[in-house]
């Protein structure tokens, strides 16, 4: 992490683009990155575990909560080219990078934007996220309660959380706080990470 303030709207430090070559969706992708954001030099371990563990995305509208430079949103868009993929982040640099990287890959189905720019009426069939645990418990809880209830009926969310950063307590909290009809389970444990699944009943 180059900046402890990567979750700020306007991160400190120069926005200097540099090349980034990573494997997403089973192929090498030539993208760009910058400073002042989470894991600027590649796909972090938690995101890599999430992308390896989740089933194929389902539905016509999808969401990445906390997009960074875009690895999750870009993968969703590559795997589901007919879906609309929303990539939300509070960091303006991350929004710009996700949009630029989507354009580099010819992905016209990615909408990179600030949270408040998403229509409140929209629901999502698939949500993938490596949520920003380090923003603090209160802010994290508010973030998850903003988006997870917007799963469409039958929709599923997949979250990756480090065990030592409270994955098990977060699982219990989500089970208690989400509305009736939402089921929360631990789908997988890999290395020091948990994959949590949230399913909204049909």
Protein backbone atom coordinates (compact mmCIF):
# COMPACT_ATOMS: atom_id res chain seq x y z
CA UNK A 1 0.00 0.00 0.00
CA UNK A 2 1.65 3.20 -1.13
CA UNK A 3 -0.69 5.49 0.71
CA UNK A 4 -2.61 5.01 3.93
CA UNK A 5 -5.16 7.45 2.52
CA UNK A 6 -6.08 5.47 -0.60
CA UNK A 7 -9.68 5.63 0.59
CA UNK A 8 -9.69 9.44 0.39
CA UNK A 9 -11.60 11.15 -2.42
CA UNK A 10 -8.48 13.03 -3.50
CA UNK A 11 -5.35 11.06 -2.56
CA UNK A 12 -2.09 12.82 -1.84
CA UNK A 13 0.85 12.55 -4.21
CA UNK A 14 1.20 13.00 -7.93
CA UNK A 15 -1.10 11.12 -10.29
CA UNK A 16 1.59 9.70 -12.54
CA UNK A 17 0.39 6.93 -14.84
CA UNK A 18 2.65 3.93 -15.30
CA UNK A 19 2.18 0.62 -17.11
CA UNK A 20 0.77 -2.41 -15.30
CA UNK A 21 0.75 -5.91 -16.80
CA UNK A 22 -1.48 -8.43 -15.01
CA UNK A 23 -3.45 -11.60 -15.72
CA UNK A 24 -7.21 -11.05 -15.59
CA UNK A 25 -9.89 -13.31 -17.01
CA UNK A 26 -7.28 -15.89 -17.98
CA UNK A 27 -5.09 -13.66 -20.14
CA UNK A 28 -2.33 -11.07 -19.82
CA UNK A 29 -3.71 -7.51 -19.83
CA UNK A 30 -1.69 -4.33 -20.35
CA UNK A 31 -3.20 -1.64 -18.14
CA UNK A 32 -2.16 1.50 -16.25
CA UNK A 33 -1.83 2.31 -12.57
CA UNK A 34 -0.79 5.20 -10.35
CA UNK A 35 0.06 6.05 -6.75
CA UNK A 36 -2.41 6.88 -3.98
CA UNK A 37 -4.53 3.76 -4.31
CA UNK A 38 -4.76 0.25 -2.91
CA UNK A 39 -2.30 -2.33 -4.30
CA UNK A 40 -1.06 -0.14 -7.17
CA UNK A 41 1.54 -2.65 -8.40
CA UNK A 42 -0.68 -5.63 -9.12
CA UNK A 43 -3.55 -7.83 -8.01
CA UNK A 44 -3.35 -8.13 -4.22
CA UNK A 45 -3.53 -11.53 -2.55
CA UNK A 46 -7.10 -11.17 -1.29
CA UNK A 47 -8.47 -10.11 -4.66
CA UNK A 48 -6.59 -12.94 -6.39
CA UNK A 49 -8.13 -15.45 -3.96
CA UNK A 50 -11.59 -13.99 -4.54
CA UNK A 51 -11.25 -14.16 -8.33
CA UNK A 52 -10.07 -17.77 -8.12
CA UNK A 53 -12.88 -18.83 -5.78
CA UNK A 54 -16.05 -17.22 -7.11
CA UNK A 55 -18.36 -18.95 -9.59
CA UNK A 56 -19.09 -17.38 -12.95
CA UNK A 57 -21.01 -14.11 -12.50
CA UNK A 58 -24.74 -14.32 -13.16
CA UNK A 59 -27.27 -11.71 -14.23
CA UNK A 60 -27.43 -8.47 -16.18
CA UNK A 61 -26.25 -5.94 -13.58
CA UNK A 62 -23.13 -6.33 -11.43
CA UNK A 63 -21.24 -4.34 -8.80
CA UNK A 64 -17.69 -4.02 -7.54
CA UNK A 65 -17.54 -2.20 -4.18
CA UNK A 66 -14.21 -0.36 -3.89
CA UNK A 67 -12.82 -0.78 -7.37
CA UNK A 68 -9.24 0.43 -6.96
CA UNK A 69 -7.63 0.40 -10.40
CA UNK A 70 -10.26 -2.10 -11.52
CA UNK A 71 -9.21 -5.78 -11.25
CA UNK A 72 -12.58 -7.05 -9.99
CA UNK A 73 -14.78 -4.88 -12.21
CA UNK A 74 -12.67 -5.64 -15.28
CA UNK A 75 -12.89 -9.38 -14.59
CA UNK A 76 -16.66 -9.15 -14.20
CA UNK A 77 -16.90 -7.28 -17.48
CA UNK A 78 -14.64 -9.75 -19.28
CA UNK A 79 -16.64 -12.73 -18.02
CA UNK A 80 -20.06 -11.14 -18.56
CA UNK A 81 -19.78 -8.89 -21.63
CA UNK A 82 -23.55 -8.47 -21.90
CA UNK A 83 -23.92 -7.26 -18.30
CA UNK A 84 -23.67 -3.72 -16.96
CA UNK A 85 -20.82 -3.59 -14.44
CA UNK A 86 -20.74 -0.76 -11.92
CA UNK A 87 -17.39 -0.04 -10.28
CA UNK A 88 -17.76 2.30 -7.32
CA UNK A 89 -15.02 3.99 -5.33
CA UNK A 90 -14.67 7.19 -3.33
CA UNK A 91 -11.17 7.74 -4.69
CA UNK A 92 -11.38 9.90 -7.81
CA UNK A 93 -8.08 8.53 -9.07
CA UNK A 94 -9.41 4.98 -8.82
CA UNK A 95 -12.54 5.91 -10.76
CA UNK A 96 -10.45 7.44 -13.55
CA UNK A 97 -8.08 4.47 -13.68
CA UNK A 98 -10.87 1.90 -13.79
CA UNK A 99 -12.53 3.79 -16.64
CA UNK A 100 -9.23 4.11 -18.50
CA UNK A 101 -8.38 0.44 -18.03
CA UNK A 102 -11.84 -0.61 -19.19
CA UNK A 103 -11.34 1.49 -22.32
CA UNK A 104 -7.95 -0.10 -22.93
CA UNK A 105 -9.62 -3.51 -22.93
CA UNK A 106 -12.50 -2.36 -25.10
CA UNK A 107 -15.00 -2.97 -22.30
CA UNK A 108 -17.90 -0.64 -22.93
CA UNK A 109 -20.00 -2.27 -20.22
CA UNK A 110 -18.11 -0.80 -17.23
CA UNK A 111 -19.52 2.23 -15.40
CA UNK A 112 -16.85 3.61 -13.06
CA UNK A 113 -18.24 6.22 -10.70
CA UNK A 114 -18.59 7.58 -7.18
CA UNK A 115 -21.19 5.83 -4.98
CA UNK A 116 -23.62 8.74 -5.08
CA UNK A 117 -23.70 8.61 -8.88
CA UNK A 118 -25.42 5.20 -8.87
CA UNK A 119 -29.19 5.40 -9.25
CA UNK A 120 -30.78 4.45 -5.93
CA UNK A 121 -33.35 2.34 -7.77
CA UNK A 122 -30.78 -0.06 -9.24
CA UNK A 123 -30.35 -3.56 -7.86
CA UNK A 124 -27.56 -6.01 -8.64
CA UNK A 125 -27.54 -9.69 -9.54
CA UNK A 126 -23.88 -10.20 -8.67
CA UNK A 127 -21.64 -8.28 -6.26
CA UNK A 128 -17.93 -9.03 -5.90
CA UNK A 129 -15.79 -7.08 -3.45
CA UNK A 130 -12.55 -6.97 -1.52
CA UNK A 131 -14.06 -4.46 0.93
CA UNK A 132 -11.85 -1.74 2.44
CA UNK A 133 -11.63 -3.18 5.95
CA UNK A 134 -9.11 -0.57 7.09
CA UNK A 135 -11.54 2.34 6.77
CA UNK A 136 -12.76 1.34 10.24
CA UNK A 137 -15.60 -0.80 11.52
CA UNK A 138 -18.28 1.89 11.58
CA UNK A 139 -17.53 3.07 8.05
CA UNK A 140 -17.23 -0.50 6.76
CA UNK A 141 -20.57 -1.48 8.26
CA UNK A 142 -22.24 1.57 6.72
CA UNK A 143 -20.68 0.76 3.34
CA UNK A 144 -21.88 -2.86 3.35
CA UNK A 145 -25.36 -1.95 4.56
CA UNK A 146 -25.57 0.57 1.74
CA UNK A 147 -24.88 -1.96 -1.02
CA UNK A 148 -25.62 -5.54 0.05
CA UNK A 149 -29.38 -4.95 0.56
CA UNK A 150 -29.43 -3.90 -3.10
CA UNK A 151 -28.94 -7.47 -4.25
CA UNK A 152 -31.75 -8.41 -6.58
CA UNK A 153 -33.93 -11.39 -5.58
CA UNK A 154 -31.82 -14.47 -6.18
CA UNK A 155 -28.65 -12.36 -6.33
CA UNK A 156 -25.37 -13.26 -4.65
CA UNK A 157 -22.51 -11.24 -3.22
CA UNK A 158 -19.02 -12.58 -2.65
CA UNK A 159 -16.64 -10.83 -0.25
CA UNK A 160 -13.03 -11.65 0.61
CA UNK A 161 -11.86 -10.73 4.11
CA UNK A 162 -8.69 -11.59 6.03
CA UNK A 163 -9.28 -13.81 9.05
CA UNK A 164 -7.10 -11.64 11.28
CA UNK A 165 -9.03 -8.53 10.22
CA UNK A 166 -12.32 -9.84 11.55
CA UNK A 167 -13.79 -12.06 8.83
CA UNK A 168 -15.67 -14.29 11.27
CA UNK A 169 -17.09 -11.44 13.31
CA UNK A 170 -18.10 -9.66 10.10
CA UNK A 171 -19.92 -12.79 8.95
CA UNK A 172 -21.89 -12.92 12.22
CA UNK A 173 -22.65 -9.19 12.05
CA UNK A 174 -23.93 -9.41 8.48
CA UNK A 175 -26.17 -12.35 9.39
CA UNK A 176 -27.68 -10.26 12.20
CA UNK A 177 -27.99 -6.94 10.40
CA UNK A 178 -29.08 -7.75 6.86
CA UNK A 179 -32.83 -7.82 6.25
CA UNK A 180 -34.94 -10.95 6.36
CA UNK A 181 -34.38 -13.14 3.33
CA UNK A 182 -30.60 -12.63 3.20
CA UNK A 183 -28.44 -15.65 3.99
CA UNK A 184 -24.78 -15.32 4.95
CA UNK A 185 -22.28 -18.17 4.93
CA UNK A 186 -18.57 -18.83 4.79
CA UNK A 187 -18.08 -20.25 1.33
CA UNK A 188 -14.36 -20.97 1.50
CA UNK A 189 -11.17 -20.49 3.47
CA UNK A 190 -7.95 -19.98 1.54
CA UNK A 191 -4.67 -19.18 3.23
CA UNK A 192 -5.44 -16.34 5.65
CA UNK A 193 -8.66 -15.29 3.92
CA UNK A 194 -12.34 -16.12 4.13
CA UNK A 195 -14.74 -15.95 1.20
CA UNK A 196 -18.16 -14.87 2.47
CA UNK A 197 -21.29 -15.40 0.39
CA UNK A 198 -24.43 -13.32 0.83
CA UNK A 199 -27.50 -14.69 -0.96
CA UNK A 200 -30.83 -12.96 -1.28
CA UNK A 201 -33.69 -15.40 -1.56
CA UNK A 202 -35.87 -15.35 -4.67
